[in-house]
């Protein structure tokens, strides 16, 4: 039987609405009303898959999305910190515009002040995908964040740039991967470090 991995970004959060960055899993950031609606639609889109496991990150918005999407189903949950959002360090709570301005002035290997670099995050995501592949379950849904989903999608296609060709990852949209594609994504992301 072929293995199936469904990766999805969480539903819209209140900080998405405020256009504010958050890389600290200890900060409580709930979904917006729209995010809860998106999570219900994610559940409708994947309702015909028999998932053996749901993996989410340490961030509450991923767990909330997963709980809404899989409501009424007996799917066990597991936490995978390797797929957490990027640790932006001192940029925590900054606007998206400030975050993007910092990124434009720096290289991918430069860590955010007090945080991690995009290169380090890519390697962490590669290890996170390897951890998924090492699990025994055949059908896994993963609710994570925009950047790990984007990186996995681009790396699975063999892109040397984890931010291209796909850049905008919609909230609560399922992206399907087979085992070989996820293996390729993990290897490509680990090769970037």
Foldseek 3Di string as FASTA:
>chain_A
DWFKEKEFEQFAWPCVVVQWDAQDQVDAIERDPRRLVLLCVLLVVCVPDDFQAEEEESHPRLVSSVCSSQPPHPHYYDYDNLQGDFFLAPSHGPGNVVVVVVPVVDDQCDHRVRTGGVLVSLLSLLVSLVVVLPDPTRYYYYYYHQQSVQQLVCQLVVDLDSCPDDHDHHHSDIDMDISSSSNSSSVSSNVSD
